[in-house]
């Protein structure tokens, strides 16, 4: 007798329980490895940048192998140049920025105490930030800069390895999908993501450069101290839409407050004017051919990604949103619902960009 052998109904139930436990274990593992996942995504983004630069070198006649090496050297030189700017050229200005942050917080708190409504808003914002993962990560980085350096180094090395031979990783990822139409659909979706990311990064470079130049020039005219460092900070912060420029404005206001009410008003007018120009003219013109995500979706998605993945997630939140948005259009709207959607962005000549 085999009384302990499950019948067909019990076997189906056991399979469902095992599947549910497996899914739960995978979800827990992904949550526990959130920091590693976001660093991996940052490495993929860096590899996309390197391959895009390599393609430009190849168009200039550089051999394929040497074009990748040249692109890697270009990225390393750009990183070294930024480090030199912050550490040497703008060292005193950056130090002044750091010193101004506590003074700005003190001024904001003193101003908020003058109004009961403003005081409640300040206390609520302070409590929300203090309990967020971004705040915990920021304090951790402040106490241990070695962790920040190590994560950045891992990201850079990972990007270099992936850029050297991206086909290996793409083929390995596609092996997880069944053969046939499913694998072909995922291959097309990955090609769409690569093309969209490359064009999005190109537009971000344009927006970051214009933001930095306009803010730096405007603050110099307004008489705000350290306009070059503030302009560079504002340009880099544009990589995180909405959240980044707002955070970059706070130290500028702190330095402007030391120059009197005229510099403070000028600083506010500069940031407001640049934001109006960026939002209504530059951003729609530059991003119209790449991807159009509603502003409210972008804002809440960035906040949500920062809450889940912490400070590093906030750095890559906009790029991650672009990937998610593209995959939804490619896999769900086009492949599942059958919508006639041309996901592949167009370049300036009106033709589709080549696969990444």
Protein backbone atom coordinates (compact mmCIF):
# COMPACT_ATOMS: atom_id res chain seq x y z
CA UNK A 1 0.00 0.00 0.00
CA UNK A 2 1.14 3.52 -0.84
CA UNK A 3 -1.10 5.50 1.45
CA UNK A 4 1.42 8.36 1.81
CA UNK A 5 1.80 8.91 -1.92
CA UNK A 6 -0.12 12.09 -2.83
CA UNK A 7 -2.87 11.83 -5.39
CA UNK A 8 -3.15 14.16 -8.38
CA UNK A 9 -4.98 16.89 -6.44
CA UNK A 10 -2.40 16.84 -3.64
CA UNK A 11 0.45 16.87 -6.17
CA UNK A 12 -0.98 19.98 -7.86
CA UNK A 13 -1.36 21.64 -4.44
CA UNK A 14 2.23 20.79 -3.48
CA UNK A 15 3.53 22.15 -6.79
CA UNK A 16 1.66 25.40 -6.26
CA UNK A 17 3.02 25.74 -2.72
CA UNK A 18 6.58 25.10 -3.95
CA UNK A 19 6.15 27.65 -6.73
CA UNK A 20 4.82 30.20 -4.24
CA UNK A 21 7.73 29.56 -1.85
CA UNK A 22 10.21 29.88 -4.72
CA UNK A 23 8.70 33.20 -5.83
CA UNK A 24 8.76 34.47 -2.25
CA UNK A 25 12.40 33.42 -1.84
CA UNK A 26 13.34 35.19 -5.08
CA UNK A 27 11.55 38.38 -3.97
CA UNK A 28 13.30 38.31 -0.58
CA UNK A 29 16.66 37.74 -2.26
CA UNK A 30 16.07 40.66 -4.64
CA UNK A 31 15.11 42.95 -1.75
CA UNK A 32 18.18 41.92 0.22
CA UNK A 33 20.37 42.47 -2.83
CA UNK A 34 18.87 45.85 -3.75
CA UNK A 35 22.20 47.67 -3.44
CA UNK A 36 23.94 45.13 -5.66
CA UNK A 37 21.16 45.31 -8.25
CA UNK A 38 21.29 49.09 -8.53
CA UNK A 39 25.10 48.98 -8.82
CA UNK A 40 24.73 46.41 -11.58
CA UNK A 41 22.28 48.68 -13.38
CA UNK A 42 24.72 51.57 -13.01
CA UNK A 43 27.44 49.41 -14.55
CA UNK A 44 25.13 48.58 -17.46
CA UNK A 45 24.43 52.28 -17.93
CA UNK A 46 28.15 53.01 -17.93
CA UNK A 47 28.71 50.27 -20.49
CA UNK A 48 26.07 51.84 -22.73
CA UNK A 49 27.93 55.16 -22.52
CA UNK A 50 31.26 53.53 -23.40
CA UNK A 51 29.80 51.63 -26.36
CA UNK A 52 28.12 54.79 -27.67
CA UNK A 53 31.44 56.64 -27.57
CA UNK A 54 33.16 53.65 -29.20
CA UNK A 55 30.67 53.78 -32.08
CA UNK A 56 31.56 57.44 -32.65
CA UNK A 57 35.25 56.54 -32.79
CA UNK A 58 34.44 53.72 -35.23
CA UNK A 59 32.63 56.20 -37.47
CA UNK A 60 35.85 58.25 -37.54
CA UNK A 61 37.74 55.25 -38.92
CA UNK A 62 39.21 53.82 -35.72
CA UNK A 63 39.36 49.98 -35.75
CA UNK A 64 36.62 48.31 -33.72
CA UNK A 65 38.90 46.91 -31.01
CA UNK A 66 40.77 50.17 -30.56
CA UNK A 67 37.57 52.19 -30.65
CA UNK A 68 36.38 50.42 -27.47
CA UNK A 69 39.76 51.01 -25.80
CA UNK A 70 39.66 54.67 -26.85
CA UNK A 71 36.14 55.01 -25.45
CA UNK A 72 37.24 53.54 -22.11
CA UNK A 73 40.17 55.94 -21.94
CA UNK A 74 37.85 58.83 -22.80
CA UNK A 75 35.48 57.94 -19.94
CA UNK A 76 38.36 57.57 -17.49
CA UNK A 77 39.78 60.91 -18.62
CA UNK A 78 36.38 62.58 -18.15
CA UNK A 79 36.10 61.17 -14.62
CA UNK A 80 39.63 62.30 -13.79
CA UNK A 81 38.82 65.77 -15.16
CA UNK A 82 35.72 66.07 -12.94
CA UNK A 83 37.70 64.94 -9.90
CA UNK A 84 40.37 67.51 -10.71
CA UNK A 85 37.76 70.24 -11.08
CA UNK A 86 36.15 69.51 -7.72
CA UNK A 87 39.37 68.78 -5.83
CA UNK A 88 41.75 71.37 -7.28
CA UNK A 89 40.16 74.01 -9.44
CA UNK A 90 36.95 74.44 -7.44
CA UNK A 91 38.34 73.17 -4.14
CA UNK A 92 37.81 76.38 -2.13
CA UNK A 93 34.40 76.93 -3.70
CA UNK A 94 33.29 73.39 -2.93
CA UNK A 95 34.50 73.84 0.64
CA UNK A 96 32.44 77.01 0.89
CA UNK A 97 29.42 75.09 -0.41
CA UNK A 98 29.82 72.43 2.28
CA UNK A 99 30.19 75.03 5.00
CA UNK A 100 27.06 76.86 3.83
CA UNK A 101 24.71 73.87 4.15
CA UNK A 102 24.38 73.90 7.98
CA UNK A 103 23.93 77.68 7.92
CA UNK A 104 21.18 77.34 5.33
CA UNK A 105 19.37 74.71 7.40
CA UNK A 106 19.59 76.96 10.46
CA UNK A 107 18.19 79.93 8.52
CA UNK A 108 15.34 77.84 7.12
CA UNK A 109 14.45 76.56 10.59
CA UNK A 110 14.53 80.08 12.04
CA UNK A 111 12.32 81.34 9.22
CA UNK A 112 9.89 78.46 9.67
CA UNK A 113 9.49 79.15 13.40
CA UNK A 114 8.06 82.57 12.57
CA UNK A 115 4.92 80.99 11.10
CA UNK A 116 2.94 78.13 12.72
CA UNK A 117 2.06 76.64 9.32
CA UNK A 118 5.64 76.85 8.04
CA UNK A 119 6.90 75.34 11.30
CA UNK A 120 4.61 72.32 10.93
CA UNK A 121 5.66 71.85 7.30
CA UNK A 122 9.33 72.04 8.26
CA UNK A 123 8.90 69.52 11.10
CA UNK A 124 6.98 67.15 8.81
CA UNK A 125 9.63 67.38 6.07
CA UNK A 126 12.43 66.89 8.60
CA UNK A 127 10.74 63.82 10.10
CA UNK A 128 10.03 62.31 6.68
CA UNK A 129 13.61 62.80 5.52
CA UNK A 130 15.10 61.55 8.76
CA UNK A 131 13.19 58.28 8.43
CA UNK A 132 13.91 57.71 4.75
CA UNK A 133 16.49 55.33 3.40
CA UNK A 134 18.12 58.13 1.42
CA UNK A 135 18.87 59.96 4.68
CA UNK A 136 20.34 56.83 6.25
CA UNK A 137 22.50 56.23 3.18
CA UNK A 138 23.65 59.85 3.11
CA UNK A 139 24.68 59.73 6.78
CA UNK A 140 26.43 56.43 6.16
CA UNK A 141 28.39 57.89 3.27
CA UNK A 142 29.32 60.89 5.37
CA UNK A 143 30.70 58.60 8.09
CA UNK A 144 32.39 56.16 5.73
CA UNK A 145 33.59 57.63 2.45
CA UNK A 146 35.45 54.39 1.74
CA UNK A 147 32.13 52.64 1.05
CA UNK A 148 31.19 55.30 -1.48
CA UNK A 149 34.58 55.01 -3.17
CA UNK A 150 34.36 51.21 -3.24
CA UNK A 151 30.87 51.25 -4.78
CA UNK A 152 31.96 53.76 -7.42
CA UNK A 153 35.02 51.65 -8.20
CA UNK A 154 32.92 48.47 -8.53
CA UNK A 155 30.51 50.31 -10.83
CA UNK A 156 33.35 51.58 -13.02
CA UNK A 157 35.09 48.21 -13.27
CA UNK A 158 31.78 46.48 -14.02
CA UNK A 159 31.05 49.00 -16.77
CA UNK A 160 34.46 48.41 -18.34
CA UNK A 161 34.00 44.63 -18.33
CA UNK A 162 30.50 44.83 -19.81
CA UNK A 163 31.55 47.34 -22.46
CA UNK A 164 34.41 45.10 -23.58
CA UNK A 165 32.03 42.37 -24.82
CA UNK A 166 28.35 43.18 -24.22
CA UNK A 167 27.18 40.38 -26.52
CA UNK A 168 28.13 37.75 -23.93
CA UNK A 169 25.83 39.25 -21.31
CA UNK A 170 22.99 39.87 -23.77
CA UNK A 171 23.10 36.29 -25.05
CA UNK A 172 23.23 34.95 -21.50
CA UNK A 173 20.19 37.02 -20.55
CA UNK A 174 18.26 35.83 -23.60
CA UNK A 175 18.97 32.19 -22.72
CA UNK A 176 16.62 32.65 -19.75
CA UNK A 177 13.70 33.07 -22.20
CA UNK A 178 12.18 30.12 -24.11
CA UNK A 179 13.23 29.61 -27.70
CA UNK A 180 11.06 30.90 -30.50
CA UNK A 181 8.82 33.94 -30.53
CA UNK A 182 9.32 34.65 -26.82
CA UNK A 183 13.09 34.92 -27.12
CA UNK A 184 12.75 37.01 -30.29
CA UNK A 185 10.37 39.38 -28.51
CA UNK A 186 12.79 39.80 -25.62
CA UNK A 187 15.67 40.36 -28.05
CA UNK A 188 13.74 43.14 -29.77
CA UNK A 189 12.83 44.64 -26.40
CA UNK A 190 16.48 44.69 -25.31
CA UNK A 191 17.42 46.36 -28.60
CA UNK A 192 14.73 48.99 -27.98
CA UNK A 193 16.05 49.59 -24.46
CA UNK A 194 19.63 49.96 -25.67
CA UNK A 195 18.69 52.42 -28.40
CA UNK A 196 16.43 54.45 -26.12
CA UNK A 197 19.04 54.62 -23.36
CA UNK A 198 21.72 55.85 -25.76
CA UNK A 199 19.54 58.63 -27.12
CA UNK A 200 18.29 59.50 -23.63
CA UNK A 201 21.87 59.80 -22.36
CA UNK A 202 22.65 62.08 -25.31
CA UNK A 203 19.74 64.34 -24.44
CA UNK A 204 20.72 64.34 -20.76
CA UNK A 205 24.21 65.51 -21.69
CA UNK A 206 22.71 68.41 -23.65
CA UNK A 207 20.35 69.34 -20.80
CA UNK A 208 23.06 69.05 -18.13
CA UNK A 209 25.46 71.24 -20.14
CA UNK A 210 22.84 73.91 -20.81
CA UNK A 211 21.69 73.86 -17.18
CA UNK A 212 25.22 74.27 -15.84
CA UNK A 213 26.13 77.08 -18.23
CA UNK A 214 22.90 79.04 -17.71
CA UNK A 215 22.96 78.73 -13.92
CA UNK A 216 26.67 79.53 -13.64
CA UNK A 217 26.37 82.58 -15.89
CA UNK A 218 23.21 83.79 -14.15
CA UNK A 219 24.69 83.43 -10.66
CA UNK A 220 27.83 85.26 -11.79
CA UNK A 221 25.72 88.17 -13.03
CA UNK A 222 23.68 88.12 -9.79
CA UNK A 223 26.84 88.37 -7.71
CA UNK A 224 26.47 85.02 -5.94
CA UNK A 225 29.75 83.59 -4.57
CA UNK A 226 31.27 80.52 -6.26
CA UNK A 227 29.16 80.70 -9.46
CA UNK A 228 31.37 78.22 -11.37
CA UNK A 229 31.10 75.49 -8.73
CA UNK A 230 27.37 76.11 -8.32
CA UNK A 231 26.88 75.93 -12.08
CA UNK A 232 28.79 72.65 -12.29
CA UNK A 233 26.75 71.26 -9.39
CA UNK A 234 23.49 72.35 -11.04
CA UNK A 235 24.50 70.76 -14.32
CA UNK A 236 25.38 67.43 -12.73
CA UNK A 237 22.17 67.49 -10.67
CA UNK A 238 20.08 67.64 -13.85
CA UNK A 239 20.77 63.90 -14.23
CA UNK A 240 18.10 63.43 -11.52
CA UNK A 241 15.05 65.36 -12.86
CA UNK A 242 13.14 67.61 -10.45
CA UNK A 243 14.79 66.26 -7.30
CA UNK A 244 18.39 66.97 -8.30
CA UNK A 245 18.03 70.64 -9.37
CA UNK A 246 15.95 71.36 -6.26
CA UNK A 247 18.68 69.93 -4.03
CA UNK A 248 21.37 71.84 -5.95
CA UNK A 249 19.49 75.10 -5.40
CA UNK A 250 19.75 74.89 -1.59
CA UNK A 251 23.53 75.50 -1.25
CA UNK A 252 23.24 78.25 -3.86
CA UNK A 253 20.63 79.98 -1.71
CA UNK A 254 22.85 79.55 1.34
CA UNK A 255 25.80 81.25 -0.38
CA UNK A 256 23.56 83.93 -1.86
CA UNK A 257 22.18 84.75 1.59
CA UNK A 258 25.70 85.69 2.71
CA UNK A 259 25.78 88.34 -0.03
CA UNK A 260 22.64 90.16 1.07
CA UNK A 261 19.03 90.28 -0.07
CA UNK A 262 19.95 91.37 -3.60
CA UNK A 263 22.07 88.29 -4.27
CA UNK A 264 19.42 86.07 -2.70
CA UNK A 265 16.66 87.47 -4.90
CA UNK A 266 18.94 87.24 -7.94
CA UNK A 267 19.67 83.60 -7.14
CA UNK A 268 15.96 82.78 -6.93
CA UNK A 269 15.30 84.56 -10.22
CA UNK A 270 18.16 82.71 -11.93
CA UNK A 271 16.96 79.26 -10.89
CA UNK A 272 13.34 80.12 -11.68
CA UNK A 273 14.24 81.53 -15.10
CA UNK A 274 16.50 78.63 -16.03
CA UNK A 275 13.85 76.13 -14.92
CA UNK A 276 11.22 77.88 -17.08
CA UNK A 277 13.53 77.82 -20.11
CA UNK A 278 14.49 74.18 -19.53
CA UNK A 279 10.93 72.94 -18.92
CA UNK A 280 9.15 74.83 -21.69
CA UNK A 281 11.75 75.03 -24.45
CA UNK A 282 14.88 72.88 -24.16
CA UNK A 283 13.50 69.68 -22.59
CA UNK A 284 10.48 69.25 -24.93
CA UNK A 285 12.62 70.02 -27.98
CA UNK A 286 15.45 67.65 -27.04
CA UNK A 287 13.43 64.74 -25.63
CA UNK A 288 10.52 64.78 -28.07
CA UNK A 289 12.27 62.28 -30.38
CA UNK A 290 13.43 59.97 -27.59
CA UNK A 291 10.79 59.20 -24.98
CA UNK A 292 7.96 61.19 -23.46
CA UNK A 293 7.11 60.27 -19.85
CA UNK A 294 4.47 62.37 -18.04
CA UNK A 295 6.08 64.68 -15.44
CA UNK A 296 3.94 63.40 -12.56
CA UNK A 297 4.92 59.80 -13.35
CA UNK A 298 8.59 60.82 -13.49
CA UNK A 299 8.46 62.66 -10.15
CA UNK A 300 6.72 59.93 -8.14
CA UNK A 301 8.72 57.16 -9.81
CA UNK A 302 12.00 58.86 -8.91
CA UNK A 303 10.88 59.26 -5.30
CA UNK A 304 9.72 55.64 -5.17
CA UNK A 305 12.95 54.28 -6.67
CA UNK A 306 14.98 56.36 -4.23
CA UNK A 307 12.90 55.01 -1.34
CA UNK A 308 13.46 51.38 -2.42
CA UNK A 309 17.10 51.52 -3.54
CA UNK A 310 18.44 54.38 -1.43
CA UNK A 311 20.90 57.07 -2.47
CA UNK A 312 22.47 55.13 -5.35
CA UNK A 313 18.98 54.32 -6.62
CA UNK A 314 18.22 58.03 -6.66
CA UNK A 315 21.25 58.63 -8.89
CA UNK A 316 20.03 56.15 -11.50
CA UNK A 317 16.28 56.58 -10.98
CA UNK A 318 15.63 58.50 -14.20
CA UNK A 319 17.53 55.98 -16.34
CA UNK A 320 15.79 53.08 -14.60
CA UNK A 321 12.42 54.72 -15.28
CA UNK A 322 13.33 55.00 -18.98
CA UNK A 323 14.14 51.27 -19.06
CA UNK A 324 10.88 50.32 -17.32
CA UNK A 325 8.83 52.59 -19.57
CA UNK A 326 10.45 51.17 -22.71
CA UNK A 327 9.98 47.55 -21.60
CA UNK A 328 6.30 48.16 -20.84
CA UNK A 329 5.79 49.58 -24.32
CA UNK A 330 7.83 46.87 -26.04
CA UNK A 331 6.75 43.73 -24.17
CA UNK A 332 3.24 44.54 -22.94
CA UNK A 333 1.69 47.07 -25.30
CA UNK A 334 3.29 45.76 -28.49
CA UNK A 335 3.85 42.05 -27.88
CA UNK A 336 0.94 41.21 -25.54
CA UNK A 337 -1.81 43.64 -26.52
CA UNK A 338 -0.72 43.89 -30.16
CA UNK A 339 -0.71 47.68 -30.26
CA UNK A 340 0.99 49.22 -33.29
CA UNK A 341 3.69 51.08 -31.40
CA UNK A 342 7.02 52.10 -32.90
CA UNK A 343 9.19 51.89 -29.81
CA UNK A 344 12.50 52.45 -31.60
CA UNK A 345 13.39 56.18 -31.30
CA UNK A 346 14.34 58.22 -34.33
CA UNK A 347 17.59 60.10 -34.77
CA UNK A 348 17.96 63.55 -36.27
CA UNK A 349 17.84 62.18 -39.81
CA UNK A 350 14.51 60.47 -39.24
CA UNK A 351 15.91 56.92 -39.34
CA UNK A 352 16.01 54.42 -36.51
CA UNK A 353 19.13 54.31 -34.42
CA UNK A 354 21.24 51.14 -34.76
CA UNK A 355 20.94 48.45 -32.12
CA UNK A 356 23.07 48.92 -29.03
